[in-house]
Amino acid sequence: MPRILMTGASGGIGTSLRKLLPPIYPDLLLSDIKPPADLGANEKFRAADLADLAQCEAICEGVDGIIHFGGYSVEGTWDQILQANIIGGYNLFEAAYRKGVKRVVFASSNHAVGFYPRHHKIGTDVTPRPDGHYGVSKVFGEAVGALYADKHGLRVTCLRIGNFGDMPLDQRRLSIWLKPGDLVQLCRIGLEHPDIHFEIFYGASLNERAWWDNHRAYEFGYRPMGRAEDFREHAMAEQAKLKPDPVGDYFQGGAFCSMEFDADPSRVIDWNKR
């Protein structure tokens, strides 16, 4: 069986996948800057700061494939994002290359394209329109992944993750929800499919209100099991408790778009209606 490294093991997604991945990949090495509080006796863990290339090389030793969920997972200051996601993202790909890792699944984000309006259905080949520092770092990670695939032959899959969780929690998430088991399925495609070179997939379940054309994932065999509309009543009840956000409610990135937004909203929205 291949040895798989999963970074970001202490984060929300990593915590969930620690339970779902071992039956598929028994030789699973976990990593984060600090160990998970509930680390089990049978779990293998090695701490690493992604901003340190030598530490990245150490955790990549003897690894066949990487699921990269490490880094800063929300919007932050430029320096926070720079160290964890941009320098850390580059280091992870460079260490993988140096250590002969064959495949990387990179956790990108819907925030790489967050400034597309919700009424525009987009594919994976659109121009990036990030909605913050975090989104910029994910655009950077996709570009670095493409470089290492094309120049060095690393097999790279980027997952533009929507909203990961057990159910969609509001109206926006009815369009972008990703069930944990469906994320596992996408990771397996990235780690196992023989035809992967460099691909971008949307990390989304079967969402009838989807803003994304995810046909490439389906061409590689993706068959999501989660259906967002099964939770519509709950999501809309939670939506009713939220305050209106004229900017966030218009763009796909939601509240990330309205953070620090000081442009003329009428001009921006009018331009996007073209």
C-alpha atoms as a PDB file:
ATOM      1  CA  MET A   1       0.000   0.000   0.000  1.00  0.00           C
ATOM      2  CA  PRO A   2       1.231   3.536  -0.703  1.00  0.00           C
ATOM      3  CA  ARG A   3       2.323   5.818   2.092  1.00  0.00           C
ATOM      4  CA  ILE A   4       0.133   8.940   2.064  1.00  0.00           C
ATOM      5  CA  LEU A   5       0.996  12.168   3.870  1.00  0.00           C
ATOM      6  CA  MET A   6      -1.878  14.409   4.960  1.00  0.00           C
ATOM      7  CA  THR A   7      -0.937  17.901   6.090  1.00  0.00           C
ATOM      8  CA  GLY A   8      -3.327  20.050   8.112  1.00  0.00           C
ATOM      9  CA  ALA A   9      -4.250  17.059  10.275  1.00  0.00           C
ATOM     10  CA  SER A  10      -5.319  19.253  13.201  1.00  0.00           C
ATOM     11  CA  GLY A  11      -7.723  21.396  11.153  1.00  0.00           C
ATOM     12  CA  GLY A  12     -11.430  20.894  10.573  1.00  0.00           C
ATOM     13  CA  ILE A  13     -11.145  18.954   7.321  1.00  0.00           C
ATOM     14  CA  GLY A  14      -8.095  17.043   8.502  1.00  0.00           C
ATOM     15  CA  THR A  15      -9.866  15.976  11.692  1.00  0.00           C
ATOM     16  CA  SER A  16     -12.750  14.533   9.680  1.00  0.00           C
ATOM     17  CA  LEU A  17     -10.531  12.776   7.143  1.00  0.00           C
ATOM     18  CA  ARG A  18      -8.397  11.211   9.877  1.00  0.00           C
ATOM     19  CA  LYS A  19     -11.402   8.954  10.499  1.00  0.00           C
ATOM     20  CA  LEU A  20     -12.287   8.311   6.846  1.00  0.00           C
ATOM     21  CA  LEU A  21      -8.900   7.719   5.193  1.00  0.00           C
ATOM     22  CA  PRO A  22      -7.211   4.940   7.242  1.00  0.00           C
ATOM     23  CA  PRO A  23      -9.446   2.118   5.907  1.00  0.00           C
ATOM     24  CA  ILE A  24      -8.367   3.153   2.386  1.00  0.00           C
ATOM     25  CA  TYR A  25      -4.762   4.164   3.118  1.00  0.00           C
ATOM     26  CA  PRO A  26      -3.565   2.280   6.221  1.00  0.00           C
ATOM     27  CA  ASP A  27      -0.069   3.770   5.914  1.00  0.00           C
ATOM     28  CA  LEU A  28      -1.228   7.339   6.571  1.00  0.00           C
ATOM     29  CA  LEU A  29       1.213   9.886   7.979  1.00  0.00           C
ATOM     30  CA  LEU A  30      -0.350  12.950   9.584  1.00  0.00           C
ATOM     31  CA  SER A  31       1.310  16.324   9.902  1.00  0.00           C
ATOM     32  CA  ASP A  32       0.561  19.801  11.210  1.00  0.00           C
ATOM     33  CA  ILE A  33       2.433  22.479  13.091  1.00  0.00           C
ATOM     34  CA  LYS A  34       1.027  20.991  16.351  1.00  0.00           C
ATOM     35  CA  PRO A  35      -0.417  17.512  16.963  1.00  0.00           C
ATOM     36  CA  PRO A  36      -4.206  17.053  17.132  1.00  0.00           C
ATOM     37  CA  ALA A  37      -5.482  17.175  20.710  1.00  0.00           C
ATOM     38  CA  ASP A  38      -7.172  13.780  20.238  1.00  0.00           C
ATOM     39  CA  LEU A  39      -4.320  12.032  18.420  1.00  0.00           C
ATOM     40  CA  GLY A  40      -4.830   8.279  18.705  1.00  0.00           C
ATOM     41  CA  ALA A  41      -2.212   5.769  19.797  1.00  0.00           C
ATOM     42  CA  ASN A  42      -2.347   4.082  16.379  1.00  0.00           C
ATOM     43  CA  GLU A  43      -2.030   7.316  14.373  1.00  0.00           C
ATOM     44  CA  LYS A  44       1.353   8.300  12.946  1.00  0.00           C
ATOM     45  CA  PHE A  45       2.119  12.001  13.316  1.00  0.00           C
ATOM     46  CA  ARG A  46       5.091  14.214  12.530  1.00  0.00           C
ATOM     47  CA  ALA A  47       5.057  17.949  13.291  1.00  0.00           C
ATOM     48  CA  ALA A  48       6.253  20.385  10.633  1.00  0.00           C
ATOM     49  CA  ASP A  49       6.158  24.109   9.981  1.00  0.00           C
ATOM     50  CA  LEU A  50       5.415  24.458   6.256  1.00  0.00           C
ATOM     51  CA  ALA A  51       7.331  27.743   6.137  1.00  0.00           C
ATOM     52  CA  ASP A  52      10.533  25.735   6.751  1.00  0.00           C
ATOM     53  CA  LEU A  53      11.642  23.831   3.624  1.00  0.00           C
ATOM     54  CA  ALA A  54      13.831  21.412   5.577  1.00  0.00           C
ATOM     55  CA  GLN A  55      10.878  20.380   7.739  1.00  0.00           C
ATOM     56  CA  CYS A  56       8.760  19.882   4.616  1.00  0.00           C
ATOM     57  CA  GLU A  57      11.450  17.654   3.129  1.00  0.00           C
ATOM     58  CA  ALA A  58      11.555  15.597   6.315  1.00  0.00           C
ATOM     59  CA  ILE A  59       7.844  14.776   6.258  1.00  0.00           C
ATOM     60  CA  CYS A  60       7.967  13.956   2.510  1.00  0.00           C
ATOM     61  CA  GLU A  61      10.651  11.292   2.947  1.00  0.00           C
ATOM     62  CA  GLY A  62       9.386   7.918   1.717  1.00  0.00           C
ATOM     63  CA  VAL A  63       5.971   9.280   0.780  1.00  0.00           C
ATOM     64  CA  ASP A  64       4.106   8.247  -2.387  1.00  0.00           C
ATOM     65  CA  GLY A  65       1.286  10.793  -2.356  1.00  0.00           C
ATOM     66  CA  ILE A  66       0.313  13.938  -0.469  1.00  0.00           C
ATOM     67  CA  ILE A  67      -3.064  15.374   0.484  1.00  0.00           C
ATOM     68  CA  HIS A  68      -2.202  18.976   1.289  1.00  0.00           C
ATOM     69  CA  PHE A  69      -4.727  20.566   3.646  1.00  0.00           C
ATOM     70  CA  GLY A  70      -2.109  22.446   5.663  1.00  0.00           C
ATOM     71  CA  GLY A  71      -1.813  26.207   5.965  1.00  0.00           C
ATOM     72  CA  TYR A  72      -3.990  29.106   7.071  1.00  0.00           C
ATOM     73  CA  SER A  73      -7.577  28.086   6.340  1.00  0.00           C
ATOM     74  CA  VAL A  74      -9.441  31.408   6.615  1.00  0.00           C
ATOM     75  CA  GLU A  75      -8.882  35.007   5.613  1.00  0.00           C
ATOM     76  CA  GLY A  76      -5.949  36.576   7.465  1.00  0.00           C
ATOM     77  CA  THR A  77      -3.320  39.274   7.318  1.00  0.00           C
ATOM     78  CA  TRP A  78      -0.943  39.270   4.378  1.00  0.00           C
ATOM     79  CA  ASP A  79       1.939  38.042   6.533  1.00  0.00           C
ATOM     80  CA  GLN A  80      -0.110  35.158   7.963  1.00  0.00           C
ATOM     81  CA  ILE A  81      -1.161  34.043   4.489  1.00  0.00           C
ATOM     82  CA  LEU A  82       2.318  34.624   3.029  1.00  0.00           C
ATOM     83  CA  GLN A  83       4.098  32.382   5.522  1.00  0.00           C
ATOM     84  CA  ALA A  84       1.612  29.535   5.831  1.00  0.00           C
ATOM     85  CA  ASN A  85       0.050  29.363   2.370  1.00  0.00           C
ATOM     86  CA  ILE A  86       2.372  30.964  -0.161  1.00  0.00           C
ATOM     87  CA  ILE A  87       5.825  30.125   1.204  1.00  0.00           C
ATOM     88  CA  GLY A  88       4.409  26.973   2.802  1.00  0.00           C
ATOM     89  CA  GLY A  89       2.647  25.948  -0.414  1.00  0.00           C
ATOM     90  CA  TYR A  90       5.782  26.410  -2.505  1.00  0.00           C
ATOM     91  CA  ASN A  91       7.859  24.497   0.050  1.00  0.00           C
ATOM     92  CA  LEU A  92       5.442  21.578   0.010  1.00  0.00           C
ATOM     93  CA  PHE A  93       5.624  21.188  -3.785  1.00  0.00           C
ATOM     94  CA  GLU A  94       9.400  21.658  -3.856  1.00  0.00           C
ATOM     95  CA  ALA A  95       9.903  19.119  -1.054  1.00  0.00           C
ATOM     96  CA  ALA A  96       7.616  16.656  -2.829  1.00  0.00           C
ATOM     97  CA  TYR A  97       9.682  17.039  -6.005  1.00  0.00           C
ATOM     98  CA  ARG A  98      13.009  16.653  -4.202  1.00  0.00           C
ATOM     99  CA  LYS A  99      11.852  13.540  -2.361  1.00  0.00           C
ATOM    100  CA  GLY A 100      10.342  11.794  -5.365  1.00  0.00           C
ATOM    101  CA  VAL A 101       6.688  12.026  -4.322  1.00  0.00           C
ATOM    102  CA  LYS A 102       4.504  10.962  -7.248  1.00  0.00           C
ATOM    103  CA  ARG A 103       1.216  12.769  -6.585  1.00  0.00           C
ATOM    104  CA  VAL A 104      -0.138  15.816  -4.749  1.00  0.00           C
ATOM    105  CA  VAL A 105      -3.767  16.652  -4.040  1.00  0.00           C
ATOM    106  CA  PHE A 106      -3.828  20.371  -3.256  1.00  0.00           C
ATOM    107  CA  ALA A 107      -6.693  21.884  -1.275  1.00  0.00           C
ATOM    108  CA  SER A 108      -7.557  24.972  -3.263  1.00  0.00           C
ATOM    109  CA  SER A 109     -10.755  26.882  -2.563  1.00  0.00           C
ATOM    110  CA  ASN A 110     -13.847  28.453  -4.047  1.00  0.00           C
ATOM    111  CA  HIS A 111     -12.299  31.720  -2.847  1.00  0.00           C
ATOM    112  CA  ALA A 112      -9.869  31.548  -5.778  1.00  0.00           C
ATOM    113  CA  VAL A 113     -12.881  32.554  -7.904  1.00  0.00           C
ATOM    114  CA  GLY A 114     -15.013  34.239  -5.233  1.00  0.00           C
ATOM    115  CA  PHE A 115     -15.613  37.480  -7.116  1.00  0.00           C
ATOM    116  CA  TYR A 116     -17.673  35.822  -9.824  1.00  0.00           C
ATOM    117  CA  PRO A 117     -21.368  36.678  -9.452  1.00  0.00           C
ATOM    118  CA  ARG A 118     -23.670  33.924  -8.333  1.00  0.00           C
ATOM    119  CA  HIS A 119     -25.677  34.118 -11.563  1.00  0.00           C
ATOM    120  CA  HIS A 120     -22.572  33.157 -13.603  1.00  0.00           C
ATOM    121  CA  LYS A 121     -22.010  29.408 -13.876  1.00  0.00           C
ATOM    122  CA  ILE A 122     -18.271  28.925 -14.257  1.00  0.00           C
ATOM    123  CA  GLY A 123     -15.935  26.085 -15.132  1.00  0.00           C
ATOM    124  CA  THR A 124     -12.406  25.463 -13.929  1.00  0.00           C
ATOM    125  CA  ASP A 125     -10.830  27.284 -16.883  1.00  0.00           C
ATOM    126  CA  VAL A 126     -11.999  30.799 -15.983  1.00  0.00           C
ATOM    127  CA  THR A 127      -9.650  33.646 -15.046  1.00  0.00           C
ATOM    128  CA  PRO A 128      -9.073  33.572 -11.264  1.00  0.00           C
ATOM    129  CA  ARG A 129     -10.914  36.292  -9.330  1.00  0.00           C
ATOM    130  CA  PRO A 130      -9.875  35.802  -5.702  1.00  0.00           C
ATOM    131  CA  ASP A 131     -11.843  37.501  -2.951  1.00  0.00           C
ATOM    132  CA  GLY A 132      -9.036  38.098  -0.433  1.00  0.00           C
ATOM    133  CA  HIS A 133      -5.496  37.227   0.641  1.00  0.00           C
ATOM    134  CA  TYR A 134      -6.581  33.646   1.258  1.00  0.00           C
ATOM    135  CA  GLY A 135      -8.026  33.355  -2.236  1.00  0.00           C
ATOM    136  CA  VAL A 136      -4.841  34.814  -3.733  1.00  0.00           C
ATOM    137  CA  SER A 137      -2.826  32.115  -1.958  1.00  0.00           C
ATOM    138  CA  LYS A 138      -5.015  29.418  -3.496  1.00  0.00           C
ATOM    139  CA  VAL A 139      -4.537  30.863  -6.991  1.00  0.00           C
ATOM    140  CA  PHE A 140      -0.796  30.791  -6.283  1.00  0.00           C
ATOM    141  CA  GLY A 141      -0.982  27.165  -5.138  1.00  0.00           C
ATOM    142  CA  GLU A 142      -2.793  26.107  -8.300  1.00  0.00           C
ATOM    143  CA  ALA A 143      -0.161  27.873 -10.418  1.00  0.00           C
ATOM    144  CA  VAL A 144       2.706  26.222  -8.537  1.00  0.00           C
ATOM    145  CA  GLY A 145       0.983  22.863  -8.911  1.00  0.00           C
ATOM    146  CA  ALA A 146       0.720  23.391 -12.681  1.00  0.00           C
ATOM    147  CA  LEU A 147       4.415  24.317 -12.826  1.00  0.00           C
ATOM    148  CA  TYR A 148       5.534  21.166 -11.002  1.00  0.00           C
ATOM    149  CA  ALA A 149       3.241  18.999 -13.124  1.00  0.00           C
ATOM    150  CA  ASP A 150       4.409  20.434 -16.443  1.00  0.00           C
ATOM    151  CA  LYS A 151       8.086  20.941 -15.625  1.00  0.00           C
ATOM    152  CA  HIS A 152       8.784  18.012 -13.299  1.00  0.00           C
ATOM    153  CA  GLY A 153       6.083  15.418 -14.016  1.00  0.00           C
ATOM    154  CA  LEU A 154       4.393  15.541 -10.605  1.00  0.00           C
ATOM    155  CA  ARG A 155       0.755  14.434 -10.886  1.00  0.00           C
ATOM    156  CA  VAL A 156      -1.273  17.247  -9.349  1.00  0.00           C
ATOM    157  CA  THR A 157      -4.963  17.598  -8.575  1.00  0.00           C
ATOM    158  CA  CYS A 158      -6.318  20.900  -7.211  1.00  0.00           C
ATOM    159  CA  LEU A 159      -9.667  20.811  -5.414  1.00  0.00           C
ATOM    160  CA  ARG A 160     -11.533  24.123  -5.254  1.00  0.00           C
ATOM    161  CA  ILE A 161     -13.371  23.185  -2.079  1.00  0.00           C
ATOM    162  CA  GLY A 162     -16.776  24.736  -1.512  1.00  0.00           C
ATOM    163  CA  ASN A 163     -18.086  24.334   2.043  1.00  0.00           C
ATOM    164  CA  PHE A 164     -17.096  21.122   3.786  1.00  0.00           C
ATOM    165  CA  GLY A 165     -19.396  19.677   6.422  1.00  0.00           C
ATOM    166  CA  ASP A 166     -22.133  17.245   7.318  1.00  0.00           C
ATOM    167  CA  MET A 167     -24.854  19.474   5.819  1.00  0.00           C
ATOM    168  CA  PRO A 168     -25.267  22.856   4.114  1.00  0.00           C
ATOM    169  CA  LEU A 169     -25.893  25.523   6.760  1.00  0.00           C
ATOM    170  CA  ASP A 170     -27.428  28.398   4.748  1.00  0.00           C
ATOM    171  CA  GLN A 171     -28.625  29.344   1.274  1.00  0.00           C
ATOM    172  CA  ARG A 172     -25.139  29.961  -0.147  1.00  0.00           C
ATOM    173  CA  ARG A 173     -23.981  26.562   1.007  1.00  0.00           C
ATOM    174  CA  LEU A 174     -26.820  24.835  -0.808  1.00  0.00           C
ATOM    175  CA  SER A 175     -24.811  25.728  -3.929  1.00  0.00           C
ATOM    176  CA  ILE A 176     -21.314  24.814  -2.697  1.00  0.00           C
ATOM    177  CA  TRP A 177     -21.699  22.069  -0.074  1.00  0.00           C
ATOM    178  CA  LEU A 178     -19.171  19.214   0.029  1.00  0.00           C
ATOM    179  CA  LYS A 179     -19.986  16.064   1.975  1.00  0.00           C
ATOM    180  CA  PRO A 180     -16.942  14.500   3.727  1.00  0.00           C
ATOM    181  CA  GLY A 181     -17.281  11.204   1.856  1.00  0.00           C
ATOM    182  CA  ASP A 182     -17.366  13.049  -1.460  1.00  0.00           C
ATOM    183  CA  LEU A 183     -14.110  14.806  -0.612  1.00  0.00           C
ATOM    184  CA  VAL A 184     -12.543  11.409   0.077  1.00  0.00           C
ATOM    185  CA  GLN A 185     -13.723  10.275  -3.365  1.00  0.00           C
ATOM    186  CA  LEU A 186     -12.053  13.305  -5.022  1.00  0.00           C
ATOM    187  CA  CYS A 187      -8.830  12.707  -3.086  1.00  0.00           C
ATOM    188  CA  ARG A 188      -8.784   9.085  -4.274  1.00  0.00           C
ATOM    189  CA  ILE A 189      -9.142  10.194  -7.890  1.00  0.00           C
ATOM    190  CA  GLY A 190      -6.152  12.505  -7.433  1.00  0.00           C
ATOM    191  CA  LEU A 191      -4.052   9.836  -5.750  1.00  0.00           C
ATOM    192  CA  GLU A 192      -5.013   6.839  -7.894  1.00  0.00           C
ATOM    193  CA  HIS A 193      -6.391   7.707 -11.325  1.00  0.00           C
ATOM    194  CA  PRO A 194      -3.852   6.723 -14.009  1.00  0.00           C
ATOM    195  CA  ASP A 195      -4.667   9.665 -16.310  1.00  0.00           C
ATOM    196  CA  ILE A 196      -4.075  12.505 -13.862  1.00  0.00           C
ATOM    197  CA  HIS A 197      -1.456  15.038 -15.014  1.00  0.00           C
ATOM    198  CA  PHE A 198      -2.725  18.403 -13.791  1.00  0.00           C
ATOM    199  CA  GLU A 199      -6.406  18.886 -13.026  1.00  0.00           C
ATOM    200  CA  ILE A 200      -8.648  21.337 -11.211  1.00  0.00           C
ATOM    201  CA  PHE A 201     -11.920  20.004  -9.829  1.00  0.00           C
ATOM    202  CA  TYR A 202     -14.570  21.750  -7.781  1.00  0.00           C
ATOM    203  CA  GLY A 203     -14.970  20.228  -4.353  1.00  0.00           C
ATOM    204  CA  ALA A 204     -18.770  20.089  -4.350  1.00  0.00           C
ATOM    205  CA  SER A 205     -21.390  17.423  -3.840  1.00  0.00           C
ATOM    206  CA  LEU A 206     -24.545  16.932  -5.913  1.00  0.00           C
ATOM    207  CA  ASN A 207     -25.896  20.477  -5.535  1.00  0.00           C
ATOM    208  CA  GLU A 208     -28.801  21.362  -7.803  1.00  0.00           C
ATOM    209  CA  ARG A 209     -28.150  25.080  -7.239  1.00  0.00           C
ATOM    210  CA  ALA A 210     -24.455  24.774  -8.133  1.00  0.00           C
ATOM    211  CA  TRP A 211     -22.643  27.751  -9.667  1.00  0.00           C
ATOM    212  CA  TRP A 212     -19.875  25.517 -11.028  1.00  0.00           C
ATOM    213  CA  ASP A 213     -19.455  23.282 -14.049  1.00  0.00           C
ATOM    214  CA  ASN A 214     -17.633  20.284 -12.603  1.00  0.00           C
ATOM    215  CA  HIS A 215     -17.706  18.033 -15.677  1.00  0.00           C
ATOM    216  CA  ARG A 216     -13.964  17.312 -15.515  1.00  0.00           C
ATOM    217  CA  ALA A 217     -14.371  15.616 -12.143  1.00  0.00           C
ATOM    218  CA  TYR A 218     -17.215  13.497 -13.545  1.00  0.00           C
ATOM    219  CA  GLU A 219     -15.074  12.525 -16.540  1.00  0.00           C
ATOM    220  CA  PHE A 220     -12.562  11.069 -14.064  1.00  0.00           C
ATOM    221  CA  GLY A 221     -15.269   8.999 -12.387  1.00  0.00           C
ATOM    222  CA  TYR A 222     -16.536  11.305  -9.631  1.00  0.00           C
ATOM    223  CA  ARG A 223     -20.001  10.318  -8.457  1.00  0.00           C
ATOM    224  CA  PRO A 224     -20.987  12.435  -5.421  1.00  0.00           C
ATOM    225  CA  MET A 225     -23.298  10.892  -2.850  1.00  0.00           C
ATOM    226  CA  GLY A 226     -24.353  14.025  -0.953  1.00  0.00           C
ATOM    227  CA  ARG A 227     -27.393  16.004  -2.190  1.00  0.00           C
ATOM    228  CA  ALA A 228     -27.723  19.530  -0.823  1.00  0.00           C
ATOM    229  CA  GLU A 229     -31.477  19.830  -1.455  1.00  0.00           C
ATOM    230  CA  ASP A 230     -32.086  17.113   1.128  1.00  0.00           C
ATOM    231  CA  PHE A 231     -31.222  19.793   3.716  1.00  0.00           C
ATOM    232  CA  ARG A 232     -32.999  22.742   2.069  1.00  0.00           C
ATOM    233  CA  GLU A 233     -35.485  23.357   4.887  1.00  0.00           C
ATOM    234  CA  HIS A 234     -32.800  23.556   7.540  1.00  0.00           C
ATOM    235  CA  ALA A 235     -30.508  25.720   5.387  1.00  0.00           C
ATOM    236  CA  MET A 236     -33.229  28.231   4.559  1.00  0.00           C
ATOM    237  CA  ALA A 237     -34.316  28.457   8.205  1.00  0.00           C
ATOM    238  CA  GLU A 238     -30.725  29.293   9.146  1.00  0.00           C
ATOM    239  CA  GLN A 239     -30.507  31.780   6.258  1.00  0.00           C
ATOM    240  CA  ALA A 240     -33.477  33.688   7.678  1.00  0.00           C
ATOM    241  CA  LYS A 241     -31.429  34.436  10.812  1.00  0.00           C
ATOM    242  CA  LEU A 242     -28.636  36.153   8.837  1.00  0.00           C
ATOM    243  CA  LYS A 243     -28.425  39.872   8.127  1.00  0.00           C
ATOM    244  CA  PRO A 244     -28.472  40.934   4.471  1.00  0.00           C
ATOM    245  CA  ASP A 245     -25.033  41.511   2.910  1.00  0.00           C
ATOM    246  CA  PRO A 246     -25.462  43.327  -0.439  1.00  0.00           C
ATOM    247  CA  VAL A 247     -21.919  42.509  -1.587  1.00  0.00           C
ATOM    248  CA  GLY A 248     -21.538  39.043  -0.084  1.00  0.00           C
ATOM    249  CA  ASP A 249     -24.994  37.973  -1.222  1.00  0.00           C
ATOM    250  CA  TYR A 250     -24.184  38.923  -4.822  1.00  0.00           C
ATOM    251  CA  PHE A 251     -20.822  37.223  -5.246  1.00  0.00           C
ATOM    252  CA  GLN A 252     -19.960  33.543  -4.941  1.00  0.00           C
ATOM    253  CA  GLY A 253     -17.366  34.147  -2.215  1.00  0.00           C
ATOM    254  CA  GLY A 254     -19.967  35.452   0.233  1.00  0.00           C
ATOM    255  CA  ALA A 255     -18.645  37.259   3.312  1.00  0.00           C
ATOM    256  CA  PHE A 256     -15.040  36.998   2.064  1.00  0.00           C
ATOM    257  CA  CYS A 257     -16.029  39.447  -0.691  1.00  0.00           C
ATOM    258  CA  SER A 258     -17.532  41.999   1.701  1.00  0.00           C
ATOM    259  CA  MET A 259     -14.564  41.949   4.119  1.00  0.00           C
ATOM    260  CA  GLU A 260     -12.661  45.245   3.693  1.00  0.00           C
ATOM    261  CA  PHE A 261     -14.758  45.998   0.582  1.00  0.00           C
ATOM    262  CA  ASP A 262     -14.634  49.744  -0.074  1.00  0.00           C
ATOM    263  CA  ALA A 263     -15.233  49.972  -3.828  1.00  0.00           C
ATOM    264  CA  ASP A 264     -18.407  51.505  -5.241  1.00  0.00           C
ATOM    265  CA  PRO A 265     -20.753  48.483  -5.025  1.00  0.00           C
ATOM    266  CA  SER A 266     -23.073  49.773  -7.742  1.00  0.00           C
ATOM    267  CA  ARG A 267     -20.186  50.112 -10.201  1.00  0.00           C
ATOM    268  CA  VAL A 268     -18.806  46.649  -9.399  1.00  0.00           C
ATOM    269  CA  ILE A 269     -22.193  44.962  -9.587  1.00  0.00           C
ATOM    270  CA  ASP A 270     -23.184  46.826 -12.764  1.00  0.00           C
ATOM    271  CA  TRP A 271     -19.926  45.745 -14.436  1.00  0.00           C
ATOM    272  CA  ASN A 272     -20.582  42.116 -13.488  1.00  0.00           C
ATOM    273  CA  LYS A 273     -24.058  42.198 -15.028  1.00  0.00           C
ATOM    274  CA  ARG A 274     -22.492  42.503 -18.496  1.00  0.00           C
END
